């Protein structure tokens, strides 16, 4: 029983550490993206393509969540922003 508990504790510590690394690294990565554009130039069509993927995916996620929870506040917020 002690070995199982020790293994579970190790998994929990590893998951917590992975979460910590993710939470620290993601904002740094996002802040560094404009600098990466200077090193690796990307065409405008790439940004347009990413936008064409991000908008429908975000809209689908928003509407799916609305259909599950019937919480209209996020939908109303985006209608005000976009309208």
PDB file of N, CA and C in Angstrom:
ATOM      1  N   UNK A   1       0.825  -1.201   0.000  1.00  0.00           N
ATOM      2  CA  UNK A   1       0.000   0.000   0.000  1.00  0.00           C
ATOM      3  C   UNK A   1       0.869   1.265   0.000  1.00  0.00           C
ATOM      4  N   UNK A   2       1.996   1.185   0.736  1.00  0.00           N
ATOM      5  CA  UNK A   2       2.892   2.330   0.817  1.00  0.00           C
ATOM      6  C   UNK A   2       3.513   2.641  -0.544  1.00  0.00           C
ATOM      7  N   UNK A   3       3.806   1.604  -1.332  1.00  0.00           N
ATOM      8  CA  UNK A   3       4.410   1.810  -2.653  1.00  0.00           C
ATOM      9  C   UNK A   3       3.419   2.494  -3.587  1.00  0.00           C
ATOM     10  N   UNK A   4       2.146   2.113  -3.545  1.00  0.00           N
ATOM     11  CA  UNK A   4       1.128   2.762  -4.386  1.00  0.00           C
ATOM     12  C   UNK A   4       0.994   4.231  -4.021  1.00  0.00           C
ATOM     13  N   UNK A   5       0.975   4.519  -2.717  1.00  0.00           N
ATOM     14  CA  UNK A   5       0.830   5.904  -2.278  1.00  0.00           C
ATOM     15  C   UNK A   5       2.036   6.724  -2.718  1.00  0.00           C
ATOM     16  N   UNK A   6       3.217   6.153  -2.623  1.00  0.00           N
ATOM     17  CA  UNK A   6       4.425   6.850  -3.041  1.00  0.00           C
ATOM     18  C   UNK A   6       4.395   7.127  -4.547  1.00  0.00           C
ATOM     19  N   UNK A   7       3.936   6.168  -5.323  1.00  0.00           N
ATOM     20  CA  UNK A   7       3.842   6.363  -6.772  1.00  0.00           C
ATOM     21  C   UNK A   7       2.818   7.448  -7.108  1.00  0.00           C
ATOM     22  N   UNK A   8       1.694   7.433  -6.438  1.00  0.00           N
ATOM     23  CA  UNK A   8       0.680   8.464  -6.672  1.00  0.00           C
ATOM     24  C   UNK A   8       1.190   9.844  -6.265  1.00  0.00           C
ATOM     25  N   UNK A   9       1.931   9.903  -5.153  1.00  0.00           N
ATOM     26  CA  UNK A   9       2.511  11.179  -4.743  1.00  0.00           C
ATOM     27  C   UNK A   9       3.500  11.689  -5.789  1.00  0.00           C
ATOM     28  N   UNK A  10       4.296  10.789  -6.337  1.00  0.00           N
ATOM     29  CA  UNK A  10       5.256  11.183  -7.369  1.00  0.00           C
ATOM     30  C   UNK A  10       4.555  11.688  -8.620  1.00  0.00           C
ATOM     31  N   UNK A  11       3.483  11.043  -9.005  1.00  0.00           N
ATOM     32  CA  UNK A  11       2.710  11.481 -10.172  1.00  0.00           C
ATOM     33  C   UNK A  11       2.094  12.855  -9.911  1.00  0.00           C
ATOM     34  N   UNK A  12       1.569  13.051  -8.710  1.00  0.00           N
ATOM     35  CA  UNK A  12       0.959  14.340  -8.370  1.00  0.00           C
ATOM     36  C   UNK A  12       1.997  15.452  -8.366  1.00  0.00           C
ATOM     37  N   UNK A  13       3.178  15.182  -7.832  1.00  0.00           N
ATOM     38  CA  UNK A  13       4.239  16.185  -7.831  1.00  0.00           C
ATOM     39  C   UNK A  13       4.673  16.502  -9.257  1.00  0.00           C
ATOM     40  N   UNK A  14       4.800  15.470 -10.083  1.00  0.00           N
ATOM     41  CA  UNK A  14       5.171  15.690 -11.478  1.00  0.00           C
ATOM     42  C   UNK A  14       4.127  16.504 -12.230  1.00  0.00           C
ATOM     43  N   UNK A  15       2.862  16.212 -11.998  1.00  0.00           N
ATOM     44  CA  UNK A  15       1.789  16.969 -12.654  1.00  0.00           C
ATOM     45  C   UNK A  15       1.781  18.418 -12.178  1.00  0.00           C
ATOM     46  N   UNK A  16       2.025  18.635 -10.900  1.00  0.00           N
ATOM     47  CA  UNK A  16       2.080  20.004 -10.378  1.00  0.00           C
ATOM     48  C   UNK A  16       3.247  20.769 -10.987  1.00  0.00           C
ATOM     49  N   UNK A  17       4.386  20.094 -11.121  1.00  0.00           N
ATOM     50  CA  UNK A  17       5.545  20.743 -11.725  1.00  0.00           C
ATOM     51  C   UNK A  17       5.289  21.069 -13.196  1.00  0.00           C
ATOM     52  N   UNK A  18       4.664  20.140 -13.916  1.00  0.00           N
ATOM     53  CA  UNK A  18       4.331  20.391 -15.318  1.00  0.00           C
ATOM     54  C   UNK A  18       3.379  21.581 -15.442  1.00  0.00           C
ATOM     55  N   UNK A  19       2.438  21.684 -14.545  1.00  0.00           N
ATOM     56  CA  UNK A  19       1.508  22.815 -14.541  1.00  0.00           C
ATOM     57  C   UNK A  19       2.255  24.121 -14.275  1.00  0.00           C
ATOM     58  N   UNK A  20       3.181  24.089 -13.328  1.00  0.00           N
ATOM     59  CA  UNK A  20       3.972  25.280 -13.017  1.00  0.00           C
ATOM     60  C   UNK A  20       4.774  25.730 -14.234  1.00  0.00           C
ATOM     61  N   UNK A  21       5.441  24.793 -14.892  1.00  0.00           N
ATOM     62  CA  UNK A  21       6.238  25.127 -16.076  1.00  0.00           C
ATOM     63  C   UNK A  21       5.331  25.700 -17.169  1.00  0.00           C
ATOM     64  N   UNK A  22       4.179  25.088 -17.372  1.00  0.00           N
ATOM     65  CA  UNK A  22       3.239  25.563 -18.390  1.00  0.00           C
ATOM     66  C   UNK A  22       2.770  26.980 -18.074  1.00  0.00           C
ATOM     67  N   UNK A  23       2.411  27.220 -16.826  1.00  0.00           N
ATOM     68  CA  UNK A  23       1.875  28.538 -16.449  1.00  0.00           C
ATOM     69  C   UNK A  23       2.930  29.636 -16.512  1.00  0.00           C
ATOM     70  N   UNK A  24       4.188  29.287 -16.332  1.00  0.00           N
ATOM     71  CA  UNK A  24       5.251  30.278 -16.430  1.00  0.00           C
ATOM     72  C   UNK A  24       5.692  30.457 -17.883  1.00  0.00           C
ATOM     73  N   UNK A  25       5.812  29.357 -18.610  1.00  0.00           N
ATOM     74  CA  UNK A  25       6.366  29.411 -19.966  1.00  0.00           C
ATOM     75  C   UNK A  25       5.393  30.009 -20.981  1.00  0.00           C
ATOM     76  N   UNK A  26       4.102  29.758 -20.830  1.00  0.00           N
ATOM     77  CA  UNK A  26       3.150  30.230 -21.834  1.00  0.00           C
ATOM     78  C   UNK A  26       3.120  31.756 -21.947  1.00  0.00           C
ATOM     79  N   UNK A  27       3.024  32.513 -20.851  1.00  0.00           N
ATOM     80  CA  UNK A  27       3.059  33.975 -21.009  1.00  0.00           C
ATOM     81  C   UNK A  27       4.379  34.483 -21.596  1.00  0.00           C
ATOM     82  N   UNK A  28       5.488  33.841 -21.218  1.00  0.00           N
ATOM     83  CA  UNK A  28       6.783  34.252 -21.773  1.00  0.00           C
ATOM     84  C   UNK A  28       6.817  33.983 -23.267  1.00  0.00           C
ATOM     85  N   UNK A  29       6.332  32.825 -23.677  1.00  0.00           N
ATOM     86  CA  UNK A  29       6.288  32.487 -25.097  1.00  0.00           C
ATOM     87  C   UNK A  29       5.399  33.467 -25.866  1.00  0.00           C
ATOM     88  N   UNK A  30       4.231  33.774 -25.324  1.00  0.00           N
ATOM     89  CA  UNK A  30       3.333  34.709 -26.003  1.00  0.00           C
ATOM     90  C   UNK A  30       3.943  36.100 -26.092  1.00  0.00           C
ATOM     91  N   UNK A  31       4.647  36.516 -25.050  1.00  0.00           N
ATOM     92  CA  UNK A  31       5.295  37.830 -25.082  1.00  0.00           C
ATOM     93  C   UNK A  31       6.443  37.858 -26.080  1.00  0.00           C
ATOM     94  N   UNK A  32       7.079  36.713 -26.326  1.00  0.00           N
ATOM     95  CA  UNK A  32       8.223  36.658 -27.225  1.00  0.00           C
ATOM     96  C   UNK A  32       7.826  36.493 -28.691  1.00  0.00           C
ATOM     97  N   UNK A  33       6.584  36.189 -28.982  1.00  0.00           N
ATOM     98  CA  UNK A  33       6.180  35.952 -30.373  1.00  0.00           C
ATOM     99  C   UNK A  33       6.477  37.115 -31.317  1.00  0.00           C
ATOM    100  N   UNK A  34       6.244  38.373 -30.916  1.00  0.00           N
ATOM    101  CA  UNK A  34       6.597  39.460 -31.850  1.00  0.00           C
ATOM    102  C   UNK A  34       8.093  39.499 -32.175  1.00  0.00           C
ATOM    103  N   UNK A  35       8.943  39.154 -31.224  1.00  0.00           N
ATOM    104  CA  UNK A  35      10.384  39.139 -31.488  1.00  0.00           C
ATOM    105  C   UNK A  35      10.742  38.003 -32.442  1.00  0.00           C
ATOM    106  N   UNK A  36      10.050  36.891 -32.344  1.00  0.00           N
ATOM    107  CA  UNK A  36      10.311  35.755 -33.234  1.00  0.00           C
ATOM    108  C   UNK A  36       9.993  36.153 -34.674  1.00  0.00           C
ATOM    109  N   UNK A  37       9.009  37.010 -34.862  1.00  0.00           N
ATOM    110  CA  UNK A  37       8.651  37.464 -36.203  1.00  0.00           C
ATOM    111  C   UNK A  37       9.802  38.227 -36.854  1.00  0.00           C
ATOM    112  N   UNK A  38      10.631  38.877 -36.055  1.00  0.00           N
ATOM    113  CA  UNK A  38      11.793  39.588 -36.596  1.00  0.00           C
ATOM    114  C   UNK A  38      12.884  38.619 -37.031  1.00  0.00           C
ATOM    115  N   UNK A  39      12.995  37.483 -36.317  1.00  0.00           N
ATOM    116  CA  UNK A  39      14.025  36.495 -36.640  1.00  0.00           C
ATOM    117  C   UNK A  39      13.588  35.624 -37.818  1.00  0.00           C
ATOM    118  N   UNK A  40      12.338  35.137 -37.759  1.00  0.00           N
ATOM    119  CA  UNK A  40      11.784  34.289 -38.814  1.00  0.00           C
ATOM    120  C   UNK A  40      10.623  35.022 -39.473  1.00  0.00           C
ATOM    121  N   UNK A  41      10.881  35.757 -40.535  1.00  0.00           N
ATOM    122  CA  UNK A  41       9.799  36.517 -41.159  1.00  0.00           C
ATOM    123  C   UNK A  41       8.690  35.596 -41.693  1.00  0.00           C
ATOM    124  N   UNK A  42       7.465  35.980 -41.405  1.00  0.00           N
ATOM    125  CA  UNK A  42       6.296  35.207 -41.814  1.00  0.00           C
ATOM    126  C   UNK A  42       5.430  36.106 -42.684  1.00  0.00           C
ATOM    127  N   UNK A  43       4.912  35.557 -43.756  1.00  0.00           N
ATOM    128  CA  UNK A  43       4.108  36.368 -44.674  1.00  0.00           C
ATOM    129  C   UNK A  43       2.755  36.718 -44.050  1.00  0.00           C
ATOM    130  N   UNK A  44       2.126  37.717 -44.612  1.00  0.00           N
ATOM    131  CA  UNK A  44       0.810  38.141 -44.135  1.00  0.00           C
ATOM    132  C   UNK A  44      -0.250  37.090 -44.358  1.00  0.00           C
ATOM    133  N   UNK A  45      -0.071  36.241 -45.355  1.00  0.00           N
ATOM    134  CA  UNK A  45      -1.069  35.201 -45.610  1.00  0.00           C
ATOM    135  C   UNK A  45      -1.099  34.174 -44.475  1.00  0.00           C
ATOM    136  N   UNK A  46       0.033  33.968 -43.809  1.00  0.00           N
ATOM    137  CA  UNK A  46       0.058  33.073 -42.657  1.00  0.00           C
ATOM    138  C   UNK A  46      -0.837  33.621 -41.547  1.00  0.00           C
ATOM    139  N   UNK A  47      -0.708  34.927 -41.272  1.00  0.00           N
ATOM    140  CA  UNK A  47      -1.526  35.535 -40.229  1.00  0.00           C
ATOM    141  C   UNK A  47      -3.008  35.501 -40.599  1.00  0.00           C
ATOM    142  N   UNK A  48      -3.310  35.734 -41.846  1.00  0.00           N
ATOM    143  CA  UNK A  48      -4.700  35.668 -42.298  1.00  0.00           C
ATOM    144  C   UNK A  48      -5.241  34.248 -42.157  1.00  0.00           C
ATOM    145  N   UNK A  49      -4.434  33.266 -42.514  1.00  0.00           N
ATOM    146  CA  UNK A  49      -4.849  31.870 -42.363  1.00  0.00           C
ATOM    147  C   UNK A  49      -5.109  31.502 -40.911  1.00  0.00           C
ATOM    148  N   UNK A  50      -4.228  31.944 -40.015  1.00  0.00           N
ATOM    149  CA  UNK A  50      -4.431  31.673 -38.584  1.00  0.00           C
ATOM    150  C   UNK A  50      -5.708  32.346 -38.080  1.00  0.00           C
ATOM    151  N   UNK A  51      -5.982  33.531 -38.565  1.00  0.00           N
ATOM    152  CA  UNK A  51      -7.201  34.233 -38.196  1.00  0.00           C
ATOM    153  C   UNK A  51      -8.431  33.493 -38.692  1.00  0.00           C
ATOM    154  N   UNK A  52      -8.345  32.948 -39.900  1.00  0.00           N
ATOM    155  CA  UNK A  52      -9.475  32.205 -40.470  1.00  0.00           C
ATOM    156  C   UNK A  52      -9.714  30.888 -39.721  1.00  0.00           C
ATOM    157  N   UNK A  53      -8.709  30.376 -39.039  1.00  0.00           N
ATOM    158  CA  UNK A  53      -8.880  29.183 -38.209  1.00  0.00           C
ATOM    159  C   UNK A  53      -9.367  29.565 -36.815  1.00  0.00           C
ATOM    160  N   UNK A  54      -8.791  30.641 -36.252  1.00  0.00           N
ATOM    161  CA  UNK A  54      -9.078  31.016 -34.866  1.00  0.00           C
ATOM    162  C   UNK A  54     -10.514  31.514 -34.682  1.00  0.00           C
ATOM    163  N   UNK A  55     -11.023  32.299 -35.607  1.00  0.00           N
ATOM    164  CA  UNK A  55     -12.367  32.867 -35.437  1.00  0.00           C
ATOM    165  C   UNK A  55     -13.445  31.786 -35.438  1.00  0.00           C
ATOM    166  N   UNK A  56     -13.497  30.888 -36.422  1.00  0.00           N
ATOM    167  CA  UNK A  56     -14.530  29.848 -36.365  1.00  0.00           C
ATOM    168  C   UNK A  56     -14.362  28.902 -35.168  1.00  0.00           C
ATOM    169  N   UNK A  57     -13.117  28.588 -34.805  1.00  0.00           N
ATOM    170  CA  UNK A  57     -12.898  27.697 -33.655  1.00  0.00           C
ATOM    171  C   UNK A  57     -13.379  28.360 -32.369  1.00  0.00           C
ATOM    172  N   UNK A  58     -13.083  29.633 -32.198  1.00  0.00           N
ATOM    173  CA  UNK A  58     -13.531  30.359 -31.008  1.00  0.00           C
ATOM    174  C   UNK A  58     -15.048  30.480 -30.977  1.00  0.00           C
ATOM    175  N   UNK A  59     -15.634  30.769 -32.118  1.00  0.00           N
ATOM    176  CA  UNK A  59     -17.091  30.878 -32.194  1.00  0.00           C
ATOM    177  C   UNK A  59     -17.755  29.539 -31.881  1.00  0.00           C
ATOM    178  N   UNK A  60     -17.212  28.460 -32.408  1.00  0.00           N
ATOM    179  CA  UNK A  60     -17.770  27.132 -32.125  1.00  0.00           C
ATOM    180  C   UNK A  60     -17.669  26.800 -30.648  1.00  0.00           C
ATOM    181  N   UNK A  61     -16.535  27.109 -30.018  1.00  0.00           N
ATOM    182  CA  UNK A  61     -16.369  26.840 -28.587  1.00  0.00           C
ATOM    183  C   UNK A  61     -17.329  27.682 -27.757  1.00  0.00           C
ATOM    184  N   UNK A  62     -17.491  28.938 -28.126  1.00  0.00           N
ATOM    185  CA  UNK A  62     -18.393  29.829 -27.401  1.00  0.00           C
ATOM    186  C   UNK A  62     -19.840  29.359 -27.509  1.00  0.00           C
ATOM    187  N   UNK A  63     -20.264  29.005 -28.693  1.00  0.00           N
ATOM    188  CA  UNK A  63     -21.643  28.550 -28.877  1.00  0.00           C
ATOM    189  C   UNK A  63     -21.884  27.177 -28.234  1.00  0.00           C
ATOM    190  N   UNK A  64     -20.885  26.321 -28.261  1.00  0.00           N
ATOM    191  CA  UNK A  64     -21.014  25.016 -27.599  1.00  0.00           C
ATOM    192  C   UNK A  64     -21.183  25.208 -26.086  1.00  0.00           C
ATOM    193  N   UNK A  65     -20.368  26.061 -25.511  1.00  0.00           N
ATOM    194  CA  UNK A  65     -20.477  26.319 -24.072  1.00  0.00           C
ATOM    195  C   UNK A  65     -21.825  26.953 -23.738  1.00  0.00           C
ATOM    196  N   UNK A  66     -22.297  27.853 -24.605  1.00  0.00           N
ATOM    197  CA  UNK A  66     -23.604  28.457 -24.378  1.00  0.00           C
ATOM    198  C   UNK A  66     -24.703  27.407 -24.417  1.00  0.00           C
ATOM    199  N   UNK A  67     -24.602  26.471 -25.357  1.00  0.00           N
ATOM    200  CA  UNK A  67     -25.634  25.436 -25.450  1.00  0.00           C
ATOM    201  C   UNK A  67     -25.636  24.517 -24.236  1.00  0.00           C
ATOM    202  N   UNK A  68     -24.478  24.335 -23.609  1.00  0.00           N
ATOM    203  CA  UNK A  68     -24.406  23.486 -22.416  1.00  0.00           C
ATOM    204  C   UNK A  68     -24.898  24.188 -21.168  1.00  0.00           C
ATOM    205  N   UNK A  69     -24.519  25.449 -21.000  1.00  0.00           N
ATOM    206  CA  UNK A  69     -24.781  26.149 -19.728  1.00  0.00           C
ATOM    207  C   UNK A  69     -25.882  27.198 -19.802  1.00  0.00           C
ATOM    208  N   UNK A  70     -26.236  27.596 -20.984  1.00  0.00           N
ATOM    209  CA  UNK A  70     -27.234  28.653 -21.179  1.00  0.00           C
ATOM    210  C   UNK A  70     -26.821  29.950 -20.478  1.00  0.00           C
ATOM    211  N   UNK A  71     -25.523  30.183 -20.424  1.00  0.00           N
ATOM    212  CA  UNK A  71     -25.006  31.421 -19.845  1.00  0.00           C
ATOM    213  C   UNK A  71     -24.826  32.416 -20.987  1.00  0.00           C
ATOM    214  N   UNK A  72     -25.642  33.412 -21.028  1.00  0.00           N
ATOM    215  CA  UNK A  72     -25.639  34.341 -22.157  1.00  0.00           C
ATOM    216  C   UNK A  72     -24.636  35.480 -21.989  1.00  0.00           C
ATOM    217  N   UNK A  73     -24.052  35.648 -20.817  1.00  0.00           N
ATOM    218  CA  UNK A  73     -23.144  36.776 -20.590  1.00  0.00           C
ATOM    219  C   UNK A  73     -21.968  36.788 -21.565  1.00  0.00           C
ATOM    220  N   UNK A  74     -21.245  35.680 -21.784  1.00  0.00           N
ATOM    221  CA  UNK A  74     -20.135  35.744 -22.752  1.00  0.00           C
ATOM    222  C   UNK A  74     -20.604  36.032 -24.175  1.00  0.00           C
ATOM    223  N   UNK A  75     -21.742  35.481 -24.556  1.00  0.00           N
ATOM    224  CA  UNK A  75     -22.261  35.726 -25.902  1.00  0.00           C
ATOM    225  C   UNK A  75     -22.635  37.198 -26.049  1.00  0.00           C
ATOM    226  N   UNK A  76     -23.327  37.748 -25.036  1.00  0.00           N
ATOM    227  CA  UNK A  76     -23.688  39.173 -25.085  1.00  0.00           C
ATOM    228  C   UNK A  76     -22.448  40.053 -25.150  1.00  0.00           C
ATOM    229  N   UNK A  77     -21.396  39.695 -24.389  1.00  0.00           N
ATOM    230  CA  UNK A  77     -20.152  40.476 -24.399  1.00  0.00           C
ATOM    231  C   UNK A  77     -19.576  40.530 -25.800  1.00  0.00           C
ATOM    232  N   UNK A  78     -19.468  39.382 -26.480  1.00  0.00           N
ATOM    233  CA  UNK A  78     -18.872  39.365 -27.807  1.00  0.00           C
ATOM    234  C   UNK A  78     -19.771  40.009 -28.840  1.00  0.00           C
ATOM    235  N   UNK A  79     -21.074  39.947 -28.640  1.00  0.00           N
ATOM    236  CA  UNK A  79     -21.950  40.674 -29.553  1.00  0.00           C
ATOM    237  C   UNK A  79     -21.762  42.177 -29.421  1.00  0.00           C
ATOM    238  N   UNK A  80     -21.537  42.635 -28.193  1.00  0.00           N
ATOM    239  CA  UNK A  80     -21.263  44.072 -27.985  1.00  0.00           C
ATOM    240  C   UNK A  80     -19.910  44.452 -28.594  1.00  0.00           C
ATOM    241  N   UNK A  81     -18.910  43.597 -28.428  1.00  0.00           N
ATOM    242  CA  UNK A  81     -17.585  43.895 -28.967  1.00  0.00           C
ATOM    243  C   UNK A  81     -17.605  43.910 -30.489  1.00  0.00           C
ATOM    244  N   UNK A  82     -18.239  42.918 -31.072  1.00  0.00           N
ATOM    245  CA  UNK A  82     -18.226  42.814 -32.533  1.00  0.00           C
ATOM    246  C   UNK A  82     -19.267  43.702 -33.202  1.00  0.00           C
ATOM    247  N   UNK A  83     -20.314  44.054 -32.481  1.00  0.00           N
ATOM    248  CA  UNK A  83     -21.403  44.809 -33.082  1.00  0.00           C
ATOM    249  C   UNK A  83     -21.198  46.248 -32.945  1.00  0.00           C
TER     250      UNK A  83
END
